[in-house]
N, C-alpha and C. Protein backbone atom coordinates (compact mmCIF):
# COMPACT_ATOMS: atom_id res chain seq x y z
N VAL A 1 5.32 0.67 4.66
CA VAL A 1 6.09 -0.20 3.79
C VAL A 1 7.56 0.20 3.86
N THR A 2 8.42 -0.76 3.96
CA THR A 2 9.87 -0.58 3.88
C THR A 2 10.47 0.26 5.00
N GLY A 3 9.79 0.40 6.12
CA GLY A 3 10.35 1.17 7.21
C GLY A 3 10.51 2.64 6.92
N PHE A 4 9.78 3.14 5.94
CA PHE A 4 9.86 4.54 5.53
C PHE A 4 11.29 4.94 5.16
N VAL A 5 12.05 3.98 4.61
CA VAL A 5 13.39 4.32 4.11
C VAL A 5 13.39 4.56 2.61
N GLY A 6 12.28 4.26 1.95
CA GLY A 6 12.18 4.49 0.52
C GLY A 6 10.73 4.61 0.09
N LEU A 7 10.55 5.15 -1.08
CA LEU A 7 9.23 5.38 -1.64
C LEU A 7 8.81 4.17 -2.47
N PRO A 8 7.70 3.49 -2.10
CA PRO A 8 7.25 2.36 -2.91
C PRO A 8 6.50 2.86 -4.16
N LEU A 9 7.00 2.49 -5.32
CA LEU A 9 6.37 2.88 -6.59
C LEU A 9 5.74 1.64 -7.22
N LEU A 10 4.47 1.71 -7.54
CA LEU A 10 3.77 0.58 -8.14
C LEU A 10 4.34 0.27 -9.52
N VAL A 11 4.82 -0.96 -9.72
CA VAL A 11 5.39 -1.35 -11.02
C VAL A 11 4.70 -2.56 -11.63
N GLY A 12 3.81 -3.21 -10.86
CA GLY A 12 3.14 -4.36 -11.43
C GLY A 12 1.89 -4.77 -10.67
N VAL A 13 0.94 -5.33 -11.40
CA VAL A 13 -0.30 -5.86 -10.82
C VAL A 13 -0.52 -7.24 -11.43
N LYS A 14 -0.67 -8.25 -10.56
CA LYS A 14 -0.92 -9.62 -11.03
C LYS A 14 -2.15 -10.17 -10.33
N ASP A 15 -2.75 -11.14 -10.96
CA ASP A 15 -3.88 -11.86 -10.38
C ASP A 15 -4.99 -10.92 -9.91
N ALA A 16 -5.20 -9.83 -10.65
CA ALA A 16 -6.25 -8.88 -10.28
C ALA A 16 -7.62 -9.46 -10.62
N LYS A 17 -8.52 -9.34 -9.66
CA LYS A 17 -9.88 -9.82 -9.86
C LYS A 17 -10.86 -8.76 -9.38
N ILE A 18 -11.84 -8.45 -10.21
CA ILE A 18 -12.92 -7.55 -9.83
C ILE A 18 -14.14 -8.44 -9.63
N LYS A 19 -14.65 -8.43 -8.40
CA LYS A 19 -15.71 -9.37 -8.03
C LYS A 19 -17.06 -8.70 -7.78
N GLY A 20 -17.09 -7.38 -7.90
CA GLY A 20 -18.34 -6.69 -7.65
C GLY A 20 -18.28 -5.26 -8.12
N VAL A 21 -19.43 -4.63 -8.16
CA VAL A 21 -19.54 -3.25 -8.60
C VAL A 21 -19.52 -2.34 -7.38
N VAL A 22 -18.75 -1.25 -7.48
CA VAL A 22 -18.74 -0.21 -6.44
C VAL A 22 -19.16 1.09 -7.12
N LEU A 23 -20.27 1.61 -6.70
CA LEU A 23 -20.83 2.82 -7.32
C LEU A 23 -20.31 4.07 -6.62
N PRO A 24 -20.33 5.20 -7.32
CA PRO A 24 -19.90 6.46 -6.69
C PRO A 24 -20.65 6.70 -5.38
N GLY A 25 -19.90 7.13 -4.38
CA GLY A 25 -20.47 7.40 -3.08
C GLY A 25 -20.39 6.24 -2.11
N ALA A 26 -20.12 5.03 -2.62
CA ALA A 26 -20.00 3.87 -1.74
C ALA A 26 -18.64 3.90 -1.04
N GLU A 27 -18.62 3.39 0.19
CA GLU A 27 -17.36 3.31 0.93
C GLU A 27 -16.58 2.09 0.46
N LEU A 28 -15.30 2.28 0.23
CA LEU A 28 -14.40 1.22 -0.22
C LEU A 28 -13.24 1.17 0.74
N THR A 29 -12.99 0.01 1.34
CA THR A 29 -11.87 -0.16 2.27
C THR A 29 -10.97 -1.27 1.76
N PHE A 30 -9.70 -1.23 2.20
CA PHE A 30 -8.73 -2.22 1.75
C PHE A 30 -7.99 -2.83 2.92
N ASP A 31 -7.67 -4.10 2.79
CA ASP A 31 -6.75 -4.80 3.68
C ASP A 31 -5.61 -5.29 2.81
N GLY A 32 -4.41 -5.27 3.37
CA GLY A 32 -3.28 -5.75 2.60
C GLY A 32 -2.14 -6.17 3.49
N ALA A 33 -1.22 -6.92 2.91
CA ALA A 33 -0.05 -7.38 3.65
C ALA A 33 1.13 -7.51 2.70
N ILE A 34 2.30 -7.16 3.20
CA ILE A 34 3.55 -7.38 2.46
C ILE A 34 3.88 -8.86 2.58
N ILE A 35 4.06 -9.55 1.45
CA ILE A 35 4.39 -10.96 1.50
C ILE A 35 5.85 -11.23 1.14
N HIS A 36 6.53 -10.21 0.58
CA HIS A 36 7.96 -10.33 0.28
C HIS A 36 8.56 -8.94 0.22
N GLU A 37 9.76 -8.80 0.77
CA GLU A 37 10.50 -7.55 0.66
C GLU A 37 11.97 -7.88 0.55
N GLY A 38 12.62 -7.32 -0.46
CA GLY A 38 14.05 -7.53 -0.64
C GLY A 38 14.48 -7.21 -2.05
N SER A 39 15.78 -6.98 -2.21
CA SER A 39 16.38 -6.69 -3.51
C SER A 39 15.74 -5.49 -4.20
N GLY A 40 15.30 -4.51 -3.41
CA GLY A 40 14.74 -3.30 -3.98
C GLY A 40 13.29 -3.40 -4.41
N TYR A 41 12.62 -4.48 -4.03
CA TYR A 41 11.22 -4.67 -4.39
C TYR A 41 10.42 -5.13 -3.18
N ALA A 42 9.13 -4.92 -3.23
CA ALA A 42 8.20 -5.47 -2.25
C ALA A 42 6.99 -5.99 -3.00
N ILE A 43 6.44 -7.08 -2.51
CA ILE A 43 5.23 -7.66 -3.09
C ILE A 43 4.17 -7.69 -2.00
N ALA A 44 2.98 -7.24 -2.36
CA ALA A 44 1.87 -7.20 -1.40
C ALA A 44 0.65 -7.88 -2.00
N GLU A 45 -0.18 -8.39 -1.12
CA GLU A 45 -1.49 -8.88 -1.53
C GLU A 45 -2.52 -7.95 -0.90
N ALA A 46 -3.52 -7.55 -1.68
CA ALA A 46 -4.52 -6.61 -1.18
C ALA A 46 -5.92 -7.05 -1.61
N LYS A 47 -6.89 -6.75 -0.74
CA LYS A 47 -8.30 -7.02 -1.03
C LYS A 47 -9.10 -5.76 -0.73
N GLY A 48 -10.09 -5.49 -1.57
CA GLY A 48 -10.98 -4.35 -1.36
C GLY A 48 -12.38 -4.82 -0.99
N TYR A 49 -13.02 -4.05 -0.11
CA TYR A 49 -14.34 -4.40 0.39
C TYR A 49 -15.29 -3.22 0.29
N SER A 50 -16.54 -3.52 0.03
CA SER A 50 -17.60 -2.52 0.06
C SER A 50 -18.82 -3.18 0.69
N ASN A 51 -19.40 -2.51 1.67
CA ASN A 51 -20.56 -3.06 2.39
C ASN A 51 -20.29 -4.45 2.94
N GLY A 52 -19.05 -4.67 3.41
CA GLY A 52 -18.69 -5.95 4.02
C GLY A 52 -18.42 -7.07 3.04
N LYS A 53 -18.53 -6.80 1.74
CA LYS A 53 -18.30 -7.84 0.73
C LYS A 53 -16.99 -7.58 -0.01
N SER A 54 -16.27 -8.65 -0.31
CA SER A 54 -15.05 -8.54 -1.09
C SER A 54 -15.42 -8.17 -2.53
N VAL A 55 -14.83 -7.06 -3.04
CA VAL A 55 -15.16 -6.62 -4.39
C VAL A 55 -13.96 -6.65 -5.34
N CYS A 56 -12.74 -6.78 -4.79
CA CYS A 56 -11.57 -6.87 -5.65
C CYS A 56 -10.38 -7.40 -4.86
N GLU A 57 -9.40 -7.91 -5.60
CA GLU A 57 -8.16 -8.38 -4.98
C GLU A 57 -7.06 -8.38 -6.04
N ALA A 58 -5.82 -8.29 -5.58
CA ALA A 58 -4.68 -8.30 -6.51
C ALA A 58 -3.39 -8.52 -5.75
N ARG A 59 -2.37 -8.93 -6.48
CA ARG A 59 -1.00 -9.00 -5.98
C ARG A 59 -0.26 -7.82 -6.61
N LEU A 60 0.34 -6.98 -5.78
CA LEU A 60 0.97 -5.74 -6.23
C LEU A 60 2.47 -5.81 -6.03
N THR A 61 3.22 -5.34 -7.03
CA THR A 61 4.68 -5.29 -6.93
C THR A 61 5.11 -3.83 -6.92
N PHE A 62 5.99 -3.51 -5.98
CA PHE A 62 6.50 -2.15 -5.81
C PHE A 62 8.01 -2.13 -5.95
N SER A 63 8.53 -1.14 -6.64
CA SER A 63 9.95 -0.85 -6.65
C SER A 63 10.21 0.11 -5.50
N LEU A 64 11.25 -0.15 -4.73
CA LEU A 64 11.56 0.69 -3.58
C LEU A 64 12.64 1.68 -3.97
N THR A 65 12.26 2.95 -4.05
CA THR A 65 13.13 4.02 -4.52
C THR A 65 13.49 4.93 -3.35
N PRO A 66 14.76 5.28 -3.19
CA PRO A 66 15.12 6.18 -2.08
C PRO A 66 14.37 7.50 -2.18
N TYR A 67 14.02 8.06 -1.01
CA TYR A 67 13.40 9.38 -1.00
C TYR A 67 14.40 10.40 -1.56
N PRO A 68 13.90 11.43 -2.25
CA PRO A 68 14.82 12.41 -2.83
C PRO A 68 15.58 13.21 -1.77
N ASN A 69 14.99 13.34 -0.57
CA ASN A 69 15.67 14.06 0.52
C ASN A 69 14.93 13.76 1.83
N GLU A 70 15.54 14.16 2.95
CA GLU A 70 14.97 13.89 4.27
C GLU A 70 13.65 14.64 4.48
N ALA A 71 13.52 15.83 3.91
CA ALA A 71 12.28 16.60 4.05
C ALA A 71 11.11 15.84 3.44
N PHE A 72 11.32 15.21 2.29
CA PHE A 72 10.26 14.44 1.64
C PHE A 72 9.89 13.24 2.51
N ARG A 73 10.90 12.57 3.09
CA ARG A 73 10.65 11.43 3.97
C ARG A 73 9.78 11.86 5.15
N LYS A 74 10.08 13.00 5.74
CA LYS A 74 9.29 13.49 6.87
C LYS A 74 7.84 13.75 6.47
N ILE A 75 7.64 14.27 5.27
CA ILE A 75 6.28 14.50 4.78
C ILE A 75 5.54 13.17 4.66
N MET A 76 6.22 12.14 4.17
CA MET A 76 5.59 10.83 4.03
C MET A 76 5.24 10.24 5.39
N ILE A 77 6.10 10.43 6.39
CA ILE A 77 5.82 9.94 7.73
C ILE A 77 4.61 10.68 8.31
N GLU A 78 4.55 11.99 8.11
CA GLU A 78 3.39 12.77 8.56
C GLU A 78 2.11 12.26 7.90
N MET A 79 2.17 11.96 6.60
CA MET A 79 1.00 11.44 5.89
C MET A 79 0.60 10.08 6.46
N GLY A 80 1.59 9.26 6.80
CA GLY A 80 1.29 7.97 7.44
C GLY A 80 0.49 8.15 8.71
N HIS A 81 0.89 9.12 9.53
CA HIS A 81 0.14 9.42 10.76
C HIS A 81 -1.29 9.83 10.43
N LYS A 82 -1.46 10.67 9.42
CA LYS A 82 -2.79 11.18 9.06
C LYS A 82 -3.74 10.08 8.62
N VAL A 83 -3.21 9.05 7.95
CA VAL A 83 -4.08 7.98 7.45
C VAL A 83 -4.15 6.79 8.40
N GLY A 84 -3.56 6.93 9.59
CA GLY A 84 -3.72 5.92 10.61
C GLY A 84 -2.70 4.80 10.62
N ILE A 85 -1.56 4.98 9.97
CA ILE A 85 -0.51 3.96 10.02
C ILE A 85 0.29 4.13 11.30
N ALA A 86 0.55 3.03 12.00
CA ALA A 86 1.37 3.07 13.21
C ALA A 86 2.83 3.22 12.76
N VAL A 87 3.18 4.44 12.40
CA VAL A 87 4.46 4.74 11.76
C VAL A 87 5.64 4.28 12.60
N GLU A 88 5.57 4.47 13.91
CA GLU A 88 6.70 4.11 14.77
C GLU A 88 7.03 2.63 14.67
N GLU A 89 6.01 1.79 14.49
CA GLU A 89 6.22 0.35 14.35
C GLU A 89 6.93 -0.01 13.05
N HIS A 90 6.82 0.86 12.04
CA HIS A 90 7.34 0.54 10.72
C HIS A 90 8.57 1.36 10.33
N THR A 91 9.03 2.24 11.20
CA THR A 91 10.15 3.11 10.86
C THR A 91 11.45 2.46 11.26
N LYS A 92 12.37 2.38 10.31
CA LYS A 92 13.70 1.81 10.58
C LYS A 92 14.65 2.91 10.95
């Protein structure tokens, strides 16, 4: 999100729907996309799945806050690599 130039902080959730039960131990995966970015905010739509079924969805609003320092930014980029984000594609 945001080319790793700032930290996205969750500030709002709209149109949240819970469509199914996910019990402890079940695998939960998410798909999402940024639908707007600008003026210090980003809006994303996300859906959660368990056992191939959609179990939740929401529109999320993030405030984009500058990283406190370059060392913190590097840690976030390393974390992106660990969770499978193609960081190079998203780094400005």
